[in-house]
Amino acid sequence: MSGRGLVAVAAAVAATAGLVGQSAGAPAAVQQVQATGLQQQLDTLLADSRFQGSQVGLLVRDATTGETLYDRNGSTRLVPASNTKLFTSTAAMHTLGAGFRFHTDVLATAPVKKNGKLQGDLYLKGFGDPSALESDYVGLAKQIAAAGIKRVDGDLIADDTYFDHVRLGDSWAWDDEPFYYSAEISALTLAPNGDLDSGTAIVESRPGATAGAPVQLNLRPANGVLKLINTATTGAAGSADTLNIERDHGTNIVRITGSLPLGAGLGSTWVTVWEPPLYAADVFRRALTAEGVKVDGKIREAATPAAARQLARDESMTLGELMNPFLKLSNNMHAETLVKAMGAVTKANGSWPTGLGIVTAYAKSVGVDTSTIRLSDGSGLSRKVNVTPKSVTDILLAAEKEPWFQQWYDALPIAGNPDRFTGGTLRTRMAGTPAANNLHGKTGSLTGVTALSGYVTNKDGRKLVFSMITDNYLTSPRSVEDAVGVTLASWTDQAPVTPIKPAAGKALSSDDGTGPGDPGNDWIKGR
């Protein structure tokens, strides 16, 4: 829905304010306040027909006092999708610290001879960096070459034992596995570009020179782990684009099928990698070769001996800096890596159960009633996650008191800001409305689930926190989410609002066209 349309929704709310929401027996003066207040406006929005047969929770609170200003099912457990990341990110900033950095090491047990030969194996050990790029492995290779090493007569060992070897999260869907938002979690991994989607590679595609010619492909970064099986052909100009690029389950075979019309532009498809440590080691080996360092042996996975000495190290950006791509683009892999990293750093156990225990403990320490919620992963890709709008707003209120709040708050997507790394998953939403460049929030999306929670300042300068989660819809109510955001930003509390029991309101029939079948994350990459 456009910004003008959202303002029209708010106007429609005001126009219908006298029709619903008055409490039986309430004094006339109270009824008059209610008829023009926030309660009435939100009741009317939540009377939209798209909520029929679904579950919706909405809680609005004063960001300074914590006072509840609106409550519709605020204590009801719901599947929050990527709103789960609010719990993970705040726990990580508290537990690891905004200045925390991941690192990746290169180690060996044998000395380097005068002729530049390293006897024995070379170890590449990851410590969870989800932001590692090909350029970082090139940097490690340059350090090895600068150390005088010209040849390794053993194997290149990929070591990701800093985390456990459970690669996929609890109850993640099998049919999500080939796609970038469901990549395998490993302590040694690689991202293909600046979006930092660790555990994935990019298959670039363009049509051949003539109709009938094979589709042209390029793998980025170049590696020998993924095997491309290409049967796709170039179709006539104007023909249908039926190109499909997908990895086979349990393998690194990527099949490219269908047709790409003549004249089509360059396409990019992110595919997940089976066993990311081997992928990272392969890219590192290529970087070593380019720097004149030859590895005689093969690539294999094993643990680094305790006696190994460090030859090179690469460090990531700080955790505070990582919050920006993590939250703006709603990166699932960053969330899960942080969960395991919290376990590894504080309890020497880089596993989901240990890390989620730390996330839950942090939430409890800041006032969340953790007996009413369940955290099954760090990203919200799991449909076992259950939280309440109240628990989300508790986290939002607690974060304001933390020393790292401003950096974390700035990393949240900002409504209506078109810059991808500023607006993030909200960059096209609520544009041209009072919520634009005002509302900072975290989106959430699974099939049948949409959520939006965050901060917004109203017309009087009053800062609010809110959480809206909707489950089991058939037609997406996301435009109503946006209308709620605009309503909160437009609302003035010059006349106080007297809370009343939410009442049914007149249904609105607008549709944002999203519909069922939303992907398992908020950020869509494709052609």
Protein backbone atom coordinates (compact mmCIF):
# COMPACT_ATOMS: atom_id res chain seq x y z
CA MET A 1 0.00 0.00 0.00
CA SER A 2 1.33 3.49 -0.86
CA GLY A 3 1.98 6.18 1.73
CA ARG A 4 -1.12 8.03 0.48
CA GLY A 5 -3.15 4.85 0.91
CA LEU A 6 -1.94 4.40 4.47
CA VAL A 7 -2.90 7.95 5.33
CA ALA A 8 -6.30 7.22 3.82
CA VAL A 9 -6.61 4.21 6.12
CA ALA A 10 -5.90 6.46 9.08
CA ALA A 11 -8.55 8.88 7.82
CA ALA A 12 -11.01 6.02 7.46
CA VAL A 13 -10.28 5.04 11.05
CA ALA A 14 -11.08 8.55 12.23
CA ALA A 15 -14.25 8.64 10.13
CA THR A 16 -15.54 5.43 11.70
CA ALA A 17 -14.40 6.24 15.21
CA GLY A 18 -17.88 6.89 16.53
CA LEU A 19 -19.26 3.55 15.33
CA VAL A 20 -17.41 1.05 17.54
CA GLY A 21 -15.35 0.60 20.65
CA GLN A 22 -17.47 2.39 23.28
CA SER A 23 -17.64 0.61 26.56
CA ALA A 24 -21.21 -0.06 27.79
CA GLY A 25 -22.03 2.06 30.81
CA ALA A 26 -18.95 4.28 30.51
CA PRO A 27 -19.45 7.99 31.20
CA ALA A 28 -20.22 10.08 28.13
CA ALA A 29 -17.02 12.10 28.51
CA VAL A 30 -14.95 8.91 28.59
CA GLN A 31 -16.80 7.59 25.54
CA GLN A 32 -15.99 10.79 23.66
CA VAL A 33 -12.26 10.46 24.47
CA GLN A 34 -12.32 6.80 23.46
CA ALA A 35 -14.06 7.56 20.19
CA THR A 36 -11.18 9.75 19.04
CA GLY A 37 -8.30 7.99 20.81
CA LEU A 38 -5.67 5.41 19.99
CA GLN A 39 -7.79 2.54 21.31
CA GLN A 40 -10.54 3.24 18.79
CA GLN A 41 -8.20 3.66 15.87
CA LEU A 42 -6.33 0.40 16.47
CA ASP A 43 -9.53 -1.53 17.18
CA THR A 44 -10.82 -0.45 13.79
CA LEU A 45 -7.65 -1.52 12.02
CA LEU A 46 -7.69 -4.94 13.68
CA ALA A 47 -11.28 -5.45 12.54
CA ASP A 48 -9.94 -5.99 9.02
CA SER A 49 -11.47 -9.10 7.41
CA ARG A 50 -8.03 -10.60 6.77
CA PHE A 51 -7.72 -11.33 10.49
CA GLN A 52 -10.81 -13.55 10.47
CA GLY A 53 -9.76 -17.10 11.37
CA SER A 54 -6.22 -15.97 12.20
CA GLN A 55 -4.52 -14.87 15.41
CA VAL A 56 -3.23 -11.34 15.93
CA GLY A 57 -1.54 -9.77 18.91
CA LEU A 58 -0.74 -6.08 19.27
CA LEU A 59 0.72 -4.34 22.29
CA VAL A 60 1.66 -0.65 22.44
CA ARG A 61 3.54 0.82 25.41
CA ASP A 62 5.10 4.11 26.41
CA ALA A 63 8.85 3.74 25.82
CA THR A 64 9.73 5.81 28.88
CA THR A 65 7.33 4.54 31.52
CA GLY A 66 6.39 1.13 30.12
CA GLU A 67 2.71 2.04 30.50
CA THR A 68 0.41 -0.08 28.34
CA LEU A 69 -1.53 2.08 25.88
CA TYR A 70 -3.13 -0.70 23.84
CA ASP A 71 -3.39 -4.44 24.38
CA ARG A 72 -4.96 -6.94 22.01
CA ASN A 73 -3.81 -10.47 22.92
CA GLY A 74 -0.51 -9.10 24.21
CA SER A 75 0.08 -12.15 26.41
CA THR A 76 -0.82 -14.72 23.75
CA ARG A 77 1.96 -16.96 22.43
CA LEU A 78 2.50 -16.58 18.68
CA VAL A 79 5.05 -17.64 16.06
CA PRO A 80 7.11 -14.44 15.54
CA ALA A 81 9.30 -15.36 12.53
CA SER A 82 12.28 -12.99 12.40
CA ASN A 83 11.12 -10.96 15.39
CA THR A 84 13.03 -13.71 17.22
CA LYS A 85 16.16 -11.82 16.20
CA LEU A 86 15.31 -9.12 18.73
CA PHE A 87 15.98 -11.64 21.50
CA THR A 88 19.15 -12.99 19.84
CA SER A 89 20.70 -9.64 18.94
CA THR A 90 20.18 -8.04 22.34
CA ALA A 91 21.52 -11.11 24.15
CA ALA A 92 24.58 -11.14 21.88
CA MET A 93 25.32 -7.45 22.44
CA HIS A 94 25.05 -8.01 26.18
CA THR A 95 26.96 -11.31 26.34
CA LEU A 96 29.70 -10.81 23.75
CA GLY A 97 29.87 -7.01 23.76
CA ALA A 98 29.65 -4.51 20.94
CA GLY A 99 33.43 -4.66 20.45
CA PHE A 100 33.60 -8.44 20.08
CA ARG A 101 35.30 -9.75 16.92
CA PHE A 102 35.27 -13.19 15.33
CA HIS A 103 38.51 -14.53 13.90
CA THR A 104 39.89 -17.18 11.57
CA ASP A 105 43.35 -18.67 12.08
CA VAL A 106 45.92 -20.54 9.99
CA LEU A 107 48.13 -22.84 12.05
CA ALA A 108 50.78 -25.54 11.73
CA THR A 109 52.65 -27.95 13.96
CA ALA A 110 55.87 -28.25 11.95
CA PRO A 111 58.52 -25.57 11.40
CA VAL A 112 59.12 -23.90 8.06
CA LYS A 113 62.39 -24.90 6.41
CA LYS A 114 64.78 -22.40 4.88
CA ASN A 115 63.61 -23.38 1.40
CA GLY A 116 60.04 -22.34 2.31
CA LYS A 117 58.71 -25.87 2.70
CA LEU A 118 56.26 -26.60 5.51
CA GLN A 119 56.43 -30.23 6.53
CA GLY A 120 53.11 -31.59 7.69
CA ASP A 121 49.60 -30.23 7.45
CA LEU A 122 48.32 -26.66 7.30
CA TYR A 123 45.26 -25.96 9.45
CA LEU A 124 42.51 -23.46 8.67
CA LYS A 125 40.49 -23.02 11.87
CA GLY A 126 37.28 -21.03 12.04
CA PHE A 127 35.90 -19.35 15.14
CA GLY A 128 32.46 -18.57 13.77
CA ASP A 129 32.99 -15.52 11.54
CA PRO A 130 29.77 -15.20 9.48
CA SER A 131 31.16 -12.19 7.62
CA ALA A 132 34.25 -13.88 6.12
CA LEU A 133 34.59 -13.11 2.40
CA GLU A 134 36.88 -14.41 -0.32
CA SER A 135 39.01 -11.30 0.22
CA ASP A 136 39.57 -12.32 3.84
CA TYR A 137 40.91 -15.71 2.77
CA VAL A 138 43.09 -13.92 0.22
CA GLY A 139 44.43 -11.82 3.09
CA LEU A 140 45.27 -14.98 5.06
CA ALA A 141 47.06 -16.42 2.02
CA LYS A 142 49.12 -13.25 1.70
CA GLN A 143 50.16 -13.59 5.36
CA ILE A 144 51.27 -17.17 4.73
CA ALA A 145 53.29 -16.14 1.69
CA ALA A 146 54.81 -13.25 3.65
CA ALA A 147 55.92 -15.75 6.30
CA GLY A 148 58.14 -17.36 3.67
CA ILE A 149 56.04 -20.47 3.09
CA LYS A 150 56.12 -21.64 -0.53
CA ARG A 151 55.01 -25.24 -0.24
CA VAL A 152 52.97 -27.40 2.13
CA ASP A 153 53.81 -31.09 1.77
CA GLY A 154 50.81 -32.23 3.82
CA ASP A 155 47.05 -31.63 3.64
CA LEU A 156 44.99 -28.51 4.10
CA ILE A 157 42.81 -29.19 7.15
CA ALA A 158 39.45 -27.46 7.58
CA ASP A 159 38.64 -27.18 11.29
CA ASP A 160 35.20 -25.99 12.42
CA THR A 161 35.22 -27.76 15.79
CA TYR A 162 34.67 -24.47 17.64
CA PHE A 163 30.97 -25.16 17.07
CA ASP A 164 29.20 -28.50 17.18
CA HIS A 165 28.39 -30.28 13.91
CA VAL A 166 24.63 -29.78 13.91
CA ARG A 167 24.30 -27.74 10.73
CA LEU A 168 20.56 -27.01 10.51
CA GLY A 169 18.18 -25.69 13.13
CA ASP A 170 15.39 -27.39 15.04
CA SER A 171 12.40 -28.14 12.76
CA TRP A 172 13.76 -26.22 9.77
CA ALA A 173 11.82 -27.30 6.69
CA TRP A 174 13.53 -29.71 4.29
CA ASP A 175 12.33 -27.76 1.26
CA ASP A 176 14.03 -24.56 2.50
CA GLU A 177 17.45 -26.23 2.61
CA PRO A 178 18.70 -25.17 -0.88
CA PHE A 179 17.89 -21.51 -0.32
CA TYR A 180 20.12 -18.77 1.10
CA TYR A 181 18.02 -18.11 4.20
CA SER A 182 18.47 -21.72 5.39
CA ALA A 183 22.22 -22.23 4.95
CA GLU A 184 24.24 -24.60 7.12
CA ILE A 185 25.80 -23.15 10.27
CA SER A 186 29.52 -23.73 10.69
CA ALA A 187 32.39 -22.14 12.61
CA LEU A 188 34.34 -22.09 9.32
CA THR A 189 32.34 -20.63 6.48
CA LEU A 190 32.27 -18.04 3.71
CA ALA A 191 29.91 -15.41 2.29
CA PRO A 192 29.91 -14.57 -1.43
CA ASN A 193 29.35 -10.80 -1.27
CA GLY A 194 28.66 -7.80 0.92
CA ASP A 195 25.25 -9.04 2.06
CA LEU A 196 27.27 -11.55 4.11
CA ASP A 197 25.03 -14.57 3.50
CA SER A 198 27.43 -17.10 4.98
CA GLY A 199 27.35 -20.67 3.72
CA THR A 200 26.17 -19.66 0.25
CA ALA A 201 27.60 -19.05 -3.22
CA ILE A 202 26.17 -17.10 -6.13
CA VAL A 203 25.37 -18.68 -9.49
CA GLU A 204 25.32 -15.95 -12.14
CA SER A 205 23.37 -16.66 -15.32
CA ARG A 206 22.89 -14.96 -18.66
CA PRO A 207 21.44 -16.14 -21.99
CA GLY A 208 23.65 -17.57 -24.71
CA ALA A 209 24.44 -15.73 -27.93
CA THR A 210 21.65 -17.39 -29.91
CA ALA A 211 18.35 -19.14 -29.27
CA GLY A 212 19.00 -22.77 -28.40
CA ALA A 213 22.46 -22.09 -26.98
CA PRO A 214 23.22 -23.19 -23.39
CA VAL A 215 22.66 -20.61 -20.67
CA GLN A 216 26.01 -19.12 -19.63
CA LEU A 217 26.96 -19.56 -15.98
CA ASN A 218 29.51 -18.19 -13.56
CA LEU A 219 30.13 -19.27 -9.96
CA ARG A 220 31.05 -16.60 -7.41
CA PRO A 221 33.38 -17.07 -5.69
CA ALA A 222 35.07 -19.62 -7.94
CA ASN A 223 35.33 -22.95 -6.15
CA GLY A 224 35.56 -26.65 -6.84
CA VAL A 225 33.02 -27.72 -4.20
CA LEU A 226 29.79 -26.89 -6.01
CA LYS A 227 29.23 -28.87 -9.21
CA LEU A 228 27.01 -27.14 -11.77
CA ILE A 229 24.90 -29.44 -13.99
CA ASN A 230 23.57 -27.19 -16.73
CA THR A 231 20.75 -28.28 -19.05
CA ALA A 232 19.20 -24.81 -19.36
CA THR A 233 18.90 -23.30 -22.83
CA THR A 234 18.42 -19.86 -24.33
CA GLY A 235 14.88 -19.19 -25.54
CA ALA A 236 13.69 -16.82 -28.20
CA ALA A 237 13.49 -13.15 -27.33
CA GLY A 238 10.30 -12.49 -25.38
CA SER A 239 9.82 -16.13 -24.39
CA ALA A 240 9.09 -17.16 -20.81
CA ASP A 241 11.85 -17.16 -18.21
CA THR A 242 11.62 -20.62 -16.65
CA LEU A 243 15.19 -20.81 -15.38
CA ASN A 244 15.54 -22.76 -12.13
CA ILE A 245 18.74 -23.11 -10.09
CA GLU A 246 18.64 -25.45 -7.12
CA ARG A 247 21.02 -27.68 -5.15
CA ASP A 248 20.22 -31.37 -4.69
CA HIS A 249 19.54 -32.39 -1.11
CA GLY A 250 22.57 -33.74 0.73
CA THR A 251 25.00 -32.94 -2.08
CA ASN A 252 26.82 -30.06 -3.70
CA ILE A 253 25.31 -30.74 -7.10
CA VAL A 254 23.47 -27.67 -8.41
CA ARG A 255 21.09 -28.27 -11.29
CA ILE A 256 20.29 -25.49 -13.73
CA THR A 257 17.18 -26.22 -15.79
CA GLY A 258 14.60 -24.40 -17.88
CA SER A 259 14.97 -21.56 -20.36
CA LEU A 260 16.22 -17.98 -20.30
CA PRO A 261 15.01 -15.63 -23.07
CA LEU A 262 17.48 -14.05 -25.45
CA GLY A 263 18.29 -10.52 -24.31
CA ALA A 264 17.66 -11.16 -20.61
CA GLY A 265 20.03 -9.45 -18.20
CA LEU A 266 22.48 -10.96 -15.75
CA GLY A 267 20.77 -13.00 -13.05
CA SER A 268 22.12 -13.97 -9.64
CA THR A 269 20.86 -16.88 -7.56
CA TRP A 270 22.15 -17.66 -4.07
CA VAL A 271 22.55 -21.37 -3.32
CA THR A 272 23.53 -22.99 -0.04
CA VAL A 273 26.60 -25.19 0.27
CA TRP A 274 26.73 -28.66 1.80
CA GLU A 275 29.59 -28.67 4.36
CA PRO A 276 30.74 -25.02 4.38
CA PRO A 277 34.18 -25.82 5.92
CA LEU A 278 35.24 -27.57 2.71
CA TYR A 279 33.97 -24.61 0.69
CA ALA A 280 35.98 -22.13 2.76
CA ALA A 281 39.10 -24.31 2.57
CA ASP A 282 38.78 -24.66 -1.21
CA VAL A 283 38.61 -20.88 -1.65
CA PHE A 284 41.58 -20.50 0.71
CA ARG A 285 43.60 -23.06 -1.23
CA ARG A 286 42.96 -21.16 -4.47
CA ALA A 287 44.13 -17.99 -2.75
CA LEU A 288 47.30 -19.76 -1.60
CA THR A 289 47.98 -20.92 -5.15
CA ALA A 290 47.54 -17.37 -6.44
CA GLU A 291 50.12 -16.21 -3.87
CA GLY A 292 52.62 -18.87 -4.99
CA VAL A 293 52.01 -21.31 -2.12
CA LYS A 294 51.49 -24.92 -3.27
CA VAL A 295 49.62 -27.47 -1.14
CA ASP A 296 50.63 -31.01 -2.09
CA GLY A 297 47.89 -32.83 -0.19
CA LYS A 298 44.11 -32.80 -0.20
CA ILE A 299 41.48 -30.84 1.70
CA ARG A 300 39.91 -32.69 4.61
CA GLU A 301 38.17 -31.94 7.89
CA ALA A 302 39.80 -32.56 11.27
CA ALA A 303 40.61 -30.85 14.56
CA THR A 304 43.71 -28.71 14.98
CA PRO A 305 46.24 -30.15 17.46
CA ALA A 306 46.54 -28.19 20.68
CA ALA A 307 50.28 -27.71 20.05
CA ALA A 308 49.77 -25.98 16.68
CA ARG A 309 51.15 -22.46 16.42
CA GLN A 310 49.42 -19.56 14.71
CA LEU A 311 50.82 -18.43 11.37
CA ALA A 312 48.08 -16.00 10.29
CA ARG A 313 44.86 -14.47 11.61
CA ASP A 314 41.93 -12.61 10.09
CA GLU A 315 39.54 -10.63 12.29
CA SER A 316 35.97 -9.62 11.53
CA MET A 317 34.24 -6.30 11.95
CA THR A 318 33.00 -5.67 15.48
CA LEU A 319 29.74 -7.21 16.63
CA GLY A 320 28.26 -3.74 16.87
CA GLU A 321 29.08 -3.15 13.21
CA LEU A 322 27.75 -6.58 12.25
CA MET A 323 24.37 -5.62 13.70
CA ASN A 324 23.72 -3.46 10.64
CA PRO A 325 23.74 -6.16 7.92
CA PHE A 326 22.33 -8.66 10.41
CA LEU A 327 19.22 -6.68 11.34
CA LYS A 328 18.75 -4.52 8.24
CA LEU A 329 18.72 -7.57 5.96
CA SER A 330 17.32 -9.98 8.57
CA ASN A 331 20.17 -12.46 8.14
CA ASN A 332 19.24 -15.85 9.59
CA MET A 333 22.78 -17.19 9.49
CA HIS A 334 24.11 -14.33 11.56
CA ALA A 335 21.47 -15.02 14.20
CA GLU A 336 22.29 -18.72 14.48
CA THR A 337 26.04 -18.07 14.47
CA LEU A 338 25.61 -15.63 17.34
CA VAL A 339 23.63 -18.20 19.32
CA LYS A 340 26.41 -20.77 18.96
CA ALA A 341 29.12 -18.17 19.56
CA MET A 342 27.55 -17.17 22.87
CA GLY A 343 27.68 -20.81 23.94
CA ALA A 344 31.25 -21.25 22.74
CA VAL A 345 32.61 -18.07 24.33
CA THR A 346 30.91 -18.33 27.73
CA LYS A 347 30.59 -22.08 28.24
CA ALA A 348 32.99 -23.65 25.70
CA ASN A 349 29.99 -25.28 24.03
CA GLY A 350 29.08 -23.91 20.62
CA SER A 351 25.68 -25.53 20.32
CA TRP A 352 22.10 -24.38 19.92
CA PRO A 353 20.91 -25.68 23.33
CA THR A 354 23.70 -23.92 25.20
CA GLY A 355 23.45 -20.69 23.23
CA LEU A 356 19.66 -20.53 23.47
CA GLY A 357 19.96 -21.04 27.20
CA ILE A 358 22.09 -17.90 27.33
CA VAL A 359 19.58 -15.94 25.20
CA THR A 360 16.75 -17.05 27.48
CA ALA A 361 18.74 -16.18 30.61
CA TYR A 362 19.39 -12.67 29.31
CA ALA A 363 15.71 -12.17 28.52
CA LYS A 364 14.79 -13.32 32.02
CA SER A 365 17.37 -11.00 33.58
CA VAL A 366 15.74 -7.95 31.98
CA GLY A 367 12.22 -8.79 33.06
CA VAL A 368 10.82 -11.14 30.43
CA ASP A 369 8.65 -13.89 31.89
CA THR A 370 10.50 -16.68 30.11
CA SER A 371 8.07 -19.29 31.44
CA THR A 372 5.61 -17.97 28.85
CA ILE A 373 7.86 -18.22 25.76
CA ARG A 374 9.92 -20.81 23.87
CA LEU A 375 13.06 -20.07 21.84
CA SER A 376 14.01 -22.92 19.50
CA ASP A 377 16.49 -21.08 17.27
CA GLY A 378 18.01 -17.65 16.96
CA SER A 379 16.47 -16.45 13.71
CA GLY A 380 12.82 -17.46 13.89
CA LEU A 381 13.01 -19.85 10.94
CA SER A 382 11.81 -22.54 13.34
CA ARG A 383 8.04 -22.68 13.77
CA LYS A 384 8.56 -23.99 17.30
CA VAL A 385 9.48 -20.49 18.49
CA ASN A 386 6.67 -18.96 20.54
CA VAL A 387 6.79 -15.49 22.07
CA THR A 388 4.22 -12.94 23.18
CA PRO A 389 3.94 -9.31 22.10
CA LYS A 390 4.50 -8.44 25.76
CA SER A 391 7.80 -10.34 25.87
CA VAL A 392 8.93 -8.53 22.72
CA THR A 393 8.10 -5.12 24.17
CA ASP A 394 9.86 -6.10 27.40
CA ILE A 395 13.02 -6.69 25.34
CA LEU A 396 12.57 -3.39 23.51
CA LEU A 397 12.15 -1.47 26.77
CA ALA A 398 15.15 -3.19 28.36
CA ALA A 399 17.40 -2.50 25.38
CA GLU A 400 16.92 1.26 25.83
CA LYS A 401 18.77 1.06 29.14
CA GLU A 402 21.82 -0.76 27.72
CA PRO A 403 25.09 1.06 26.94
CA TRP A 404 25.07 -0.35 23.38
CA PHE A 405 21.48 0.69 22.65
CA GLN A 406 22.14 3.46 20.12
CA GLN A 407 24.25 1.28 17.82
CA TRP A 408 21.71 -1.54 18.02
CA TYR A 409 18.77 0.83 17.51
CA ASP A 410 20.42 2.38 14.45
CA ALA A 411 20.83 -1.13 12.99
CA LEU A 412 17.08 -1.76 12.98
CA PRO A 413 15.35 -1.22 9.61
CA ILE A 414 13.93 2.29 9.22
CA ALA A 415 10.53 2.72 7.59
CA GLY A 416 10.38 4.37 4.19
CA ASN A 417 14.11 5.02 3.82
CA PRO A 418 15.03 3.76 0.32
CA ASP A 419 18.69 3.10 1.08
CA ARG A 420 19.06 -0.67 1.35
CA PHE A 421 21.44 -0.61 4.31
CA THR A 422 19.38 2.03 6.12
CA GLY A 423 15.77 1.12 5.38
CA GLY A 424 16.55 -2.58 5.12
CA THR A 425 13.43 -4.72 5.09
CA LEU A 426 11.30 -1.61 5.71
CA ARG A 427 12.76 0.48 2.91
CA THR A 428 9.63 0.31 0.72
CA ARG A 429 7.09 0.41 3.54
CA MET A 430 5.32 3.47 5.01
CA ALA A 431 7.16 5.81 2.63
CA GLY A 432 5.76 9.33 2.50
CA THR A 433 3.96 8.98 5.84
CA PRO A 434 4.68 10.24 9.38
CA ALA A 435 6.27 6.84 10.08
CA ALA A 436 8.95 7.30 7.38
CA ASN A 437 12.43 7.84 8.84
CA ASN A 438 10.75 7.61 12.25
CA LEU A 439 9.74 4.02 12.89
CA HIS A 440 12.65 1.67 13.66
CA GLY A 441 11.44 -1.91 13.66
CA LYS A 442 12.13 -5.57 13.08
CA THR A 443 10.08 -7.35 10.46
CA GLY A 444 9.16 -11.03 10.43
CA SER A 445 7.87 -13.27 7.68
CA LEU A 446 7.05 -16.94 7.18
CA THR A 447 4.23 -18.42 5.16
CA GLY A 448 1.14 -17.41 7.12
CA VAL A 449 3.14 -15.31 9.59
CA THR A 450 3.94 -11.60 9.60
CA ALA A 451 5.31 -9.46 12.40
CA LEU A 452 6.53 -5.95 13.03
CA SER A 453 7.91 -4.72 16.35
CA GLY A 454 9.94 -1.70 17.30
CA TYR A 455 9.98 1.97 18.19
CA VAL A 456 8.06 4.96 16.83
CA THR A 457 7.62 8.55 17.98
CA ASN A 458 4.10 9.99 17.87
CA LYS A 459 3.03 13.44 16.74
CA ASP A 460 3.62 14.89 20.21
CA GLY A 461 7.17 13.55 20.43
CA ARG A 462 6.18 10.68 22.70
CA LYS A 463 8.28 7.58 22.04
CA LEU A 464 6.40 4.29 21.88
CA VAL A 465 7.35 0.63 21.68
CA PHE A 466 5.02 -1.82 19.99
CA SER A 467 4.81 -5.42 18.85
CA MET A 468 2.33 -6.80 16.30
CA ILE A 469 2.39 -10.50 15.36
CA THR A 470 -0.12 -12.23 13.10
CA ASP A 471 -0.29 -16.00 12.56
CA ASN A 472 -2.27 -18.29 10.27
CA TYR A 473 -3.58 -15.74 7.80
CA LEU A 474 -4.47 -16.67 4.23
CA THR A 475 -4.23 -13.19 2.70
CA SER A 476 -1.41 -11.07 4.04
CA PRO A 477 -2.41 -8.26 6.43
CA ARG A 478 0.96 -6.57 6.09
CA SER A 479 -0.63 -3.32 4.86
CA VAL A 480 -2.54 -3.25 8.16
CA GLU A 481 0.79 -3.57 9.97
CA ASP A 482 1.93 -0.53 8.05
CA ALA A 483 -1.31 1.31 8.88
CA VAL A 484 -0.69 0.56 12.56
CA GLY A 485 2.79 2.06 12.25
CA VAL A 486 1.42 5.17 10.54
CA THR A 487 -1.39 5.47 13.10
CA LEU A 488 1.11 5.38 15.98
CA ALA A 489 3.31 7.97 14.29
CA SER A 490 0.30 10.22 13.55
CA TRP A 491 -1.41 9.85 16.90
CA THR A 492 -1.57 12.79 19.30
CA ASP A 493 -2.32 12.26 22.96
CA GLN A 494 -3.30 15.82 23.75
CA ALA A 495 -6.47 14.26 25.17
CA PRO A 496 -5.63 11.25 27.35
CA VAL A 497 -6.77 7.82 26.24
CA THR A 498 -8.71 5.77 28.75
CA PRO A 499 -7.94 2.07 28.12
CA ILE A 500 -10.98 -0.12 27.49
CA LYS A 501 -11.53 -3.71 26.46
CA PRO A 502 -10.82 -3.98 22.71
CA ALA A 503 -14.02 -4.13 20.68
CA ALA A 504 -14.76 -5.39 17.22
CA GLY A 505 -14.60 -2.72 14.56
CA LYS A 506 -15.56 -2.11 11.00
CA ALA A 507 -13.53 -4.24 8.63
CA LEU A 508 -11.16 -2.70 6.12
CA SER A 509 -10.69 -4.55 2.84
CA SER A 510 -7.36 -3.29 1.51
CA ASP A 511 -4.84 -5.90 0.38
CA ASP A 512 -1.11 -5.49 -0.12
CA GLY A 513 -1.04 -8.38 -2.58
CA THR A 514 1.57 -10.38 -0.71
CA GLY A 515 -0.71 -13.35 -0.15
CA PRO A 516 0.32 -16.81 0.94
CA GLY A 517 3.63 -18.38 0.09
CA ASP A 518 5.91 -15.75 1.61
CA PRO A 519 9.51 -17.03 1.86
CA GLY A 520 11.10 -18.05 5.12
CA ASN A 521 12.77 -14.72 5.64
CA ASP A 522 12.33 -11.01 5.05
CA TRP A 523 14.90 -10.33 2.34
CA ILE A 524 14.39 -11.70 -1.16
CA LYS A 525 17.25 -12.21 -3.59
CA GLY A 526 16.71 -13.41 -7.12
CA ARG A 527 16.56 -12.41 -10.69
